[in-house]
N, C-alpha and C. Protein backbone atom coordinates (compact mmCIF):
# COMPACT_ATOMS: atom_id res chain seq x y z
N UNK A 1 -4.85 14.91 34.64
CA UNK A 1 -3.70 14.17 34.17
C UNK A 1 -4.19 13.02 33.30
N UNK A 2 -3.62 12.90 32.12
CA UNK A 2 -4.01 11.85 31.19
C UNK A 2 -3.00 10.72 31.26
N UNK A 3 -3.50 9.49 31.32
CA UNK A 3 -2.62 8.33 31.34
C UNK A 3 -2.89 7.49 30.11
N UNK A 4 -1.85 6.94 29.55
CA UNK A 4 -1.98 6.08 28.38
C UNK A 4 -1.44 4.71 28.74
N UNK A 5 -2.22 3.69 28.44
CA UNK A 5 -1.80 2.31 28.68
C UNK A 5 -1.19 1.76 27.40
N UNK A 6 0.03 1.35 27.46
CA UNK A 6 0.70 0.70 26.33
C UNK A 6 1.06 -0.70 26.76
N UNK A 7 0.85 -1.66 25.90
CA UNK A 7 1.14 -3.05 26.21
C UNK A 7 2.43 -3.44 25.50
N UNK A 8 3.40 -3.90 26.25
CA UNK A 8 4.65 -4.39 25.66
C UNK A 8 4.44 -5.83 25.22
N UNK A 9 4.85 -6.14 24.00
CA UNK A 9 4.63 -7.47 23.45
C UNK A 9 5.97 -8.09 23.10
N UNK A 10 6.29 -9.23 23.68
CA UNK A 10 7.55 -9.88 23.33
C UNK A 10 7.56 -10.28 21.86
N UNK A 11 8.63 -9.98 21.16
CA UNK A 11 8.72 -10.24 19.73
C UNK A 11 8.60 -11.72 19.40
N UNK A 12 9.04 -12.60 20.28
CA UNK A 12 9.01 -14.03 19.98
C UNK A 12 7.61 -14.61 20.01
N UNK A 13 6.64 -13.90 20.58
CA UNK A 13 5.31 -14.45 20.71
C UNK A 13 4.31 -13.84 19.72
N UNK A 14 4.79 -13.14 18.71
CA UNK A 14 3.91 -12.44 17.80
C UNK A 14 3.52 -13.28 16.61
N UNK A 15 2.31 -13.06 16.12
CA UNK A 15 1.87 -13.63 14.87
C UNK A 15 1.61 -12.47 13.94
N UNK A 16 2.21 -12.48 12.78
CA UNK A 16 2.05 -11.39 11.83
C UNK A 16 1.39 -11.92 10.58
N UNK A 17 0.24 -11.34 10.23
CA UNK A 17 -0.48 -11.77 9.05
C UNK A 17 0.13 -11.11 7.83
N UNK A 18 0.20 -11.85 6.75
CA UNK A 18 0.72 -11.37 5.47
C UNK A 18 2.17 -10.92 5.63
N UNK A 19 2.80 -11.35 6.68
CA UNK A 19 4.21 -11.17 6.95
C UNK A 19 4.86 -9.88 6.51
N UNK A 20 5.08 -9.69 5.23
CA UNK A 20 5.86 -8.54 4.81
C UNK A 20 5.08 -7.53 3.99
N UNK A 21 4.22 -7.97 3.10
CA UNK A 21 3.58 -6.96 2.28
C UNK A 21 2.29 -7.46 1.66
N UNK A 22 1.42 -6.50 1.36
CA UNK A 22 0.22 -6.74 0.58
C UNK A 22 0.23 -5.68 -0.50
N UNK A 23 -0.39 -5.96 -1.62
CA UNK A 23 -0.41 -4.94 -2.66
C UNK A 23 -1.74 -4.93 -3.38
N UNK A 24 -2.10 -3.81 -3.95
CA UNK A 24 -3.35 -3.66 -4.68
C UNK A 24 -3.00 -3.34 -6.13
N UNK A 25 -3.07 -2.07 -6.53
CA UNK A 25 -2.70 -1.74 -7.90
C UNK A 25 -1.19 -1.76 -8.02
N UNK A 26 -0.68 -1.77 -9.26
CA UNK A 26 0.78 -1.76 -9.41
C UNK A 26 1.37 -0.56 -8.68
N UNK A 27 2.12 -0.82 -7.67
CA UNK A 27 2.76 0.27 -6.96
C UNK A 27 2.36 0.42 -5.52
N UNK A 28 1.14 0.07 -5.15
CA UNK A 28 0.74 0.17 -3.75
C UNK A 28 1.30 -1.01 -2.97
N UNK A 29 1.95 -0.74 -1.85
CA UNK A 29 2.45 -1.81 -0.98
C UNK A 29 2.14 -1.49 0.47
N UNK A 30 2.01 -2.53 1.23
CA UNK A 30 1.81 -2.40 2.68
C UNK A 30 2.89 -3.23 3.34
N UNK A 31 3.71 -2.60 4.14
CA UNK A 31 4.75 -3.29 4.90
C UNK A 31 4.29 -3.37 6.35
N UNK A 32 4.36 -4.57 6.93
CA UNK A 32 3.87 -4.76 8.29
C UNK A 32 2.50 -5.39 8.22
N UNK A 33 1.65 -5.09 9.18
CA UNK A 33 0.30 -5.63 9.18
C UNK A 33 -0.16 -6.03 10.57
N UNK A 34 -1.03 -7.02 10.59
CA UNK A 34 -1.69 -7.44 11.83
C UNK A 34 -0.87 -8.46 12.60
N UNK A 35 -1.09 -8.50 13.90
CA UNK A 35 -0.49 -9.49 14.76
C UNK A 35 -1.26 -9.57 16.06
N UNK A 36 -1.06 -10.64 16.80
CA UNK A 36 -1.68 -10.73 18.11
C UNK A 36 -0.85 -11.62 19.02
N UNK A 37 -1.08 -11.47 20.32
CA UNK A 37 -0.40 -12.27 21.33
C UNK A 37 -1.41 -12.55 22.43
N UNK A 38 -1.69 -13.82 22.68
CA UNK A 38 -2.63 -14.18 23.75
C UNK A 38 -2.05 -15.31 24.59
N UNK A 39 -2.55 -15.40 25.80
CA UNK A 39 -2.21 -16.50 26.70
C UNK A 39 -3.50 -17.13 27.20
N UNK A 40 -3.46 -18.42 27.40
CA UNK A 40 -4.60 -19.13 27.98
C UNK A 40 -4.08 -19.98 29.13
N UNK A 41 -4.58 -19.70 30.31
CA UNK A 41 -4.15 -20.42 31.50
C UNK A 41 -5.38 -20.65 32.36
N UNK A 42 -5.68 -21.90 32.70
CA UNK A 42 -6.94 -22.18 33.40
C UNK A 42 -7.17 -21.35 34.66
N UNK A 43 -6.15 -21.15 35.50
CA UNK A 43 -6.35 -20.42 36.75
C UNK A 43 -6.46 -18.91 36.53
N UNK A 44 -5.55 -18.34 35.77
CA UNK A 44 -5.51 -16.89 35.61
C UNK A 44 -6.54 -16.34 34.63
N UNK A 45 -6.80 -17.06 33.52
CA UNK A 45 -7.70 -16.54 32.49
C UNK A 45 -8.99 -17.33 32.37
N UNK A 46 -9.18 -18.33 33.23
CA UNK A 46 -10.38 -19.15 33.14
C UNK A 46 -10.45 -19.94 31.85
N UNK A 47 -9.30 -20.19 31.23
CA UNK A 47 -9.26 -20.92 29.98
C UNK A 47 -9.47 -20.05 28.75
N UNK A 48 -9.79 -18.78 28.94
CA UNK A 48 -9.96 -17.84 27.82
C UNK A 48 -8.58 -17.50 27.25
N UNK A 49 -8.55 -17.16 25.97
CA UNK A 49 -7.36 -16.61 25.34
C UNK A 49 -7.42 -15.11 25.56
N UNK A 50 -6.50 -14.57 26.34
CA UNK A 50 -6.52 -13.16 26.72
C UNK A 50 -5.21 -12.52 26.28
N UNK A 51 -5.30 -11.35 25.66
CA UNK A 51 -4.09 -10.66 25.22
C UNK A 51 -4.39 -9.41 24.44
N UNK A 52 -3.62 -9.22 23.36
CA UNK A 52 -3.73 -8.00 22.57
C UNK A 52 -3.70 -8.35 21.07
N UNK A 53 -4.46 -7.58 20.29
CA UNK A 53 -4.39 -7.63 18.83
C UNK A 53 -3.90 -6.25 18.39
N UNK A 54 -3.08 -6.21 17.34
CA UNK A 54 -2.53 -4.93 16.92
C UNK A 54 -2.35 -4.90 15.42
N UNK A 55 -2.17 -3.69 14.92
CA UNK A 55 -1.86 -3.46 13.51
C UNK A 55 -0.86 -2.32 13.45
N UNK A 56 0.23 -2.53 12.72
CA UNK A 56 1.22 -1.48 12.51
C UNK A 56 1.78 -1.68 11.11
N UNK A 57 1.58 -0.70 10.23
CA UNK A 57 2.02 -0.85 8.86
C UNK A 57 2.36 0.49 8.23
N UNK A 58 3.11 0.39 7.12
CA UNK A 58 3.47 1.54 6.30
C UNK A 58 2.90 1.29 4.90
N UNK A 59 2.20 2.27 4.34
CA UNK A 59 1.64 2.14 2.99
C UNK A 59 2.36 3.10 2.06
N UNK A 60 2.74 2.56 0.88
CA UNK A 60 3.53 3.34 -0.07
C UNK A 60 3.09 3.07 -1.50
N UNK A 61 3.28 4.09 -2.37
CA UNK A 61 3.17 3.93 -3.82
C UNK A 61 4.51 3.41 -4.32
N UNK A 62 4.55 2.99 -5.59
CA UNK A 62 5.81 2.50 -6.18
C UNK A 62 6.90 3.56 -6.14
N UNK A 63 6.51 4.82 -6.20
CA UNK A 63 7.47 5.92 -6.16
C UNK A 63 8.15 6.06 -4.81
N UNK A 64 7.58 5.40 -3.79
CA UNK A 64 8.10 5.52 -2.43
C UNK A 64 7.35 6.53 -1.60
N UNK A 65 6.48 7.31 -2.24
CA UNK A 65 5.67 8.28 -1.49
C UNK A 65 4.57 7.56 -0.71
N UNK A 66 4.13 8.14 0.39
CA UNK A 66 3.07 7.52 1.19
C UNK A 66 1.76 7.41 0.39
N UNK A 67 0.98 6.40 0.70
CA UNK A 67 -0.35 6.25 0.13
C UNK A 67 -1.34 6.08 1.28
N UNK A 68 -2.61 6.25 0.99
CA UNK A 68 -3.64 6.10 2.01
C UNK A 68 -4.18 4.67 1.98
N UNK A 69 -4.22 4.03 3.14
CA UNK A 69 -4.71 2.65 3.23
C UNK A 69 -5.56 2.48 4.48
N UNK A 70 -6.43 1.48 4.42
CA UNK A 70 -7.23 1.05 5.58
C UNK A 70 -6.96 -0.42 5.81
N UNK A 71 -6.72 -0.77 7.06
CA UNK A 71 -6.42 -2.16 7.42
C UNK A 71 -7.33 -2.58 8.56
N UNK A 72 -7.92 -3.77 8.44
CA UNK A 72 -8.73 -4.35 9.51
C UNK A 72 -8.11 -5.69 9.90
N UNK A 73 -8.17 -6.01 11.19
CA UNK A 73 -7.62 -7.26 11.72
C UNK A 73 -8.68 -7.90 12.63
N UNK A 74 -8.75 -9.23 12.63
CA UNK A 74 -9.66 -9.93 13.52
C UNK A 74 -9.24 -11.39 13.68
N UNK A 75 -9.77 -12.04 14.69
CA UNK A 75 -9.50 -13.44 14.98
C UNK A 75 -10.73 -14.26 14.60
N UNK A 76 -10.51 -15.41 13.95
CA UNK A 76 -11.59 -16.36 13.67
C UNK A 76 -11.27 -17.67 14.38
N UNK A 77 -12.30 -18.27 14.97
CA UNK A 77 -12.19 -19.58 15.61
C UNK A 77 -13.13 -20.51 14.86
N UNK A 78 -12.58 -21.56 14.27
CA UNK A 78 -13.35 -22.52 13.48
C UNK A 78 -14.18 -21.84 12.40
N UNK A 79 -13.60 -20.83 11.75
CA UNK A 79 -14.25 -20.15 10.63
C UNK A 79 -15.25 -19.08 11.00
N UNK A 80 -15.38 -18.76 12.29
CA UNK A 80 -16.33 -17.75 12.76
C UNK A 80 -15.56 -16.64 13.47
N UNK A 81 -15.87 -15.38 13.12
CA UNK A 81 -15.18 -14.27 13.77
C UNK A 81 -15.47 -14.26 15.27
N UNK A 82 -14.41 -14.23 16.07
CA UNK A 82 -14.56 -14.16 17.53
C UNK A 82 -15.06 -12.75 17.90
N UNK A 83 -16.09 -12.66 18.73
CA UNK A 83 -16.65 -11.36 19.10
C UNK A 83 -15.59 -10.44 19.73
N UNK A 84 -15.66 -9.17 19.39
CA UNK A 84 -14.84 -8.11 19.99
C UNK A 84 -13.34 -8.28 19.75
N UNK A 85 -12.96 -8.94 18.63
CA UNK A 85 -11.55 -9.07 18.31
C UNK A 85 -11.15 -8.24 17.10
N UNK A 86 -12.06 -7.48 16.52
CA UNK A 86 -11.79 -6.70 15.30
C UNK A 86 -11.28 -5.30 15.65
N UNK A 87 -10.21 -4.92 14.95
CA UNK A 87 -9.71 -3.55 15.03
C UNK A 87 -9.53 -3.03 13.60
N UNK A 88 -9.52 -1.71 13.45
CA UNK A 88 -9.30 -1.09 12.15
C UNK A 88 -8.37 0.10 12.31
N UNK A 89 -7.60 0.35 11.26
CA UNK A 89 -6.70 1.51 11.24
C UNK A 89 -6.63 2.05 9.83
N UNK A 90 -6.66 3.36 9.71
CA UNK A 90 -6.53 4.02 8.41
C UNK A 90 -5.51 5.14 8.55
N UNK A 91 -4.85 5.45 7.44
CA UNK A 91 -3.93 6.57 7.51
C UNK A 91 -3.18 6.78 6.22
N UNK A 92 -2.53 7.91 6.15
CA UNK A 92 -1.70 8.30 5.02
C UNK A 92 -0.26 7.96 5.37
N UNK A 93 0.21 6.84 4.84
CA UNK A 93 1.59 6.43 5.09
C UNK A 93 1.77 5.50 6.27
N UNK A 94 1.02 5.70 7.34
CA UNK A 94 1.15 4.88 8.55
C UNK A 94 -0.23 4.50 9.07
N UNK A 95 -0.39 3.23 9.43
CA UNK A 95 -1.62 2.75 10.05
C UNK A 95 -1.24 2.08 11.37
N UNK A 96 -1.99 2.38 12.44
CA UNK A 96 -1.67 1.80 13.76
C UNK A 96 -2.93 1.69 14.58
N UNK A 97 -3.10 0.53 15.22
CA UNK A 97 -4.21 0.31 16.16
C UNK A 97 -3.84 -0.85 17.06
N UNK A 98 -4.45 -0.88 18.24
CA UNK A 98 -4.26 -2.00 19.16
C UNK A 98 -5.46 -2.07 20.10
N UNK A 99 -5.73 -3.27 20.59
CA UNK A 99 -6.84 -3.45 21.53
C UNK A 99 -6.61 -4.71 22.35
N UNK A 100 -7.10 -4.68 23.58
CA UNK A 100 -7.10 -5.88 24.41
C UNK A 100 -8.22 -6.78 23.92
N UNK A 101 -7.96 -8.09 23.87
CA UNK A 101 -8.96 -9.05 23.40
C UNK A 101 -9.05 -10.25 24.32
N UNK A 102 -10.16 -10.96 24.19
CA UNK A 102 -10.39 -12.22 24.90
C UNK A 102 -11.33 -13.06 24.04
N UNK A 103 -10.97 -14.33 23.82
CA UNK A 103 -11.84 -15.22 23.05
C UNK A 103 -11.64 -16.65 23.52
N UNK A 104 -12.62 -17.48 23.24
CA UNK A 104 -12.59 -18.88 23.63
C UNK A 104 -12.14 -19.74 22.46
N UNK A 105 -11.17 -20.62 22.70
CA UNK A 105 -10.71 -21.59 21.70
C UNK A 105 -10.05 -22.74 22.44
N UNK A 106 -10.47 -23.94 22.12
CA UNK A 106 -9.90 -25.12 22.73
C UNK A 106 -8.69 -25.62 21.96
N UNK A 107 -8.01 -26.64 22.49
CA UNK A 107 -6.79 -27.16 21.86
C UNK A 107 -7.02 -27.73 20.46
N UNK A 108 -8.22 -28.18 20.15
CA UNK A 108 -8.48 -28.75 18.83
C UNK A 108 -9.15 -27.75 17.87
N UNK A 109 -9.46 -26.54 18.35
CA UNK A 109 -10.07 -25.53 17.49
C UNK A 109 -9.04 -24.93 16.54
N UNK A 110 -9.51 -24.49 15.39
CA UNK A 110 -8.65 -23.81 14.43
C UNK A 110 -8.77 -22.31 14.65
N UNK A 111 -7.65 -21.67 14.98
CA UNK A 111 -7.62 -20.23 15.22
C UNK A 111 -6.81 -19.59 14.09
N UNK A 112 -7.41 -18.58 13.43
CA UNK A 112 -6.71 -17.85 12.38
C UNK A 112 -6.82 -16.36 12.66
N UNK A 113 -5.82 -15.63 12.22
CA UNK A 113 -5.89 -14.18 12.27
C UNK A 113 -6.06 -13.69 10.84
N UNK A 114 -7.03 -12.80 10.64
CA UNK A 114 -7.33 -12.29 9.31
C UNK A 114 -6.97 -10.81 9.21
N UNK A 115 -6.62 -10.43 7.98
CA UNK A 115 -6.26 -9.04 7.69
C UNK A 115 -6.91 -8.65 6.38
N UNK A 116 -7.55 -7.51 6.37
CA UNK A 116 -8.16 -6.97 5.17
C UNK A 116 -7.51 -5.61 4.89
N UNK A 117 -7.08 -5.39 3.65
CA UNK A 117 -6.39 -4.15 3.28
C UNK A 117 -7.07 -3.53 2.07
N UNK A 118 -7.31 -2.23 2.13
CA UNK A 118 -7.78 -1.50 0.95
C UNK A 118 -6.97 -0.21 0.82
N UNK A 119 -6.64 0.11 -0.41
CA UNK A 119 -5.91 1.34 -0.71
C UNK A 119 -6.89 2.35 -1.30
N UNK A 120 -6.78 3.60 -0.89
CA UNK A 120 -7.75 4.62 -1.27
C UNK A 120 -7.79 4.89 -2.77
N UNK A 121 -6.69 4.67 -3.48
CA UNK A 121 -6.66 5.03 -4.89
C UNK A 121 -7.28 4.01 -5.83
N UNK A 122 -7.63 2.82 -5.33
CA UNK A 122 -8.23 1.85 -6.25
C UNK A 122 -9.45 1.11 -5.69
N UNK A 123 -9.68 1.18 -4.41
CA UNK A 123 -10.85 0.54 -3.82
C UNK A 123 -10.82 -0.97 -3.76
N UNK A 124 -9.74 -1.60 -4.21
CA UNK A 124 -9.62 -3.06 -4.15
C UNK A 124 -9.36 -3.48 -2.71
N UNK A 125 -10.07 -4.50 -2.25
CA UNK A 125 -9.88 -5.01 -0.90
C UNK A 125 -9.29 -6.42 -1.00
N UNK A 126 -8.18 -6.64 -0.30
CA UNK A 126 -7.59 -7.98 -0.24
C UNK A 126 -7.70 -8.48 1.19
N UNK A 127 -8.04 -9.76 1.34
CA UNK A 127 -8.17 -10.36 2.67
C UNK A 127 -7.34 -11.63 2.72
N UNK A 128 -6.55 -11.76 3.79
CA UNK A 128 -5.74 -12.96 4.02
C UNK A 128 -6.01 -13.44 5.45
N UNK A 129 -6.06 -14.76 5.62
CA UNK A 129 -6.18 -15.34 6.96
C UNK A 129 -5.06 -16.36 7.12
N UNK A 130 -4.40 -16.32 8.28
CA UNK A 130 -3.26 -17.19 8.55
C UNK A 130 -3.54 -18.01 9.79
N UNK A 131 -3.35 -19.33 9.70
CA UNK A 131 -3.52 -20.20 10.86
C UNK A 131 -2.40 -19.95 11.85
N UNK A 132 -2.76 -19.84 13.12
CA UNK A 132 -1.75 -19.62 14.16
C UNK A 132 -1.30 -20.94 14.72
N UNK A 133 -0.17 -20.92 15.38
CA UNK A 133 0.39 -22.15 15.95
C UNK A 133 -0.22 -22.40 17.31
């Protein structure tokens, strides 16, 4: 018997990088993108930020037909990639990935989520990082 673990994420606690779209050549668009949800509680998590990072997007040409894209997501703390927080997803029309993560960040640290997107038809890679609240 195969079991699949799915994590439900409350919509109010999500951070979405690049919010609505990224684009490469004229016509390629990515709707959706990276997000994460973590909690830090001294007793339960030992002060670690524990949660999930995910990517869910649709890639399209200007014509509306699906395009092939690769998307990577990761967390940076004070400008350094947090270990084991990177995920990648590739696909024709739809990209999806998720993973459980844990990283250390204090109240004065700068935490950003980064997203890198490349479309198969042009090889251009765009990277955006967004500071989280």
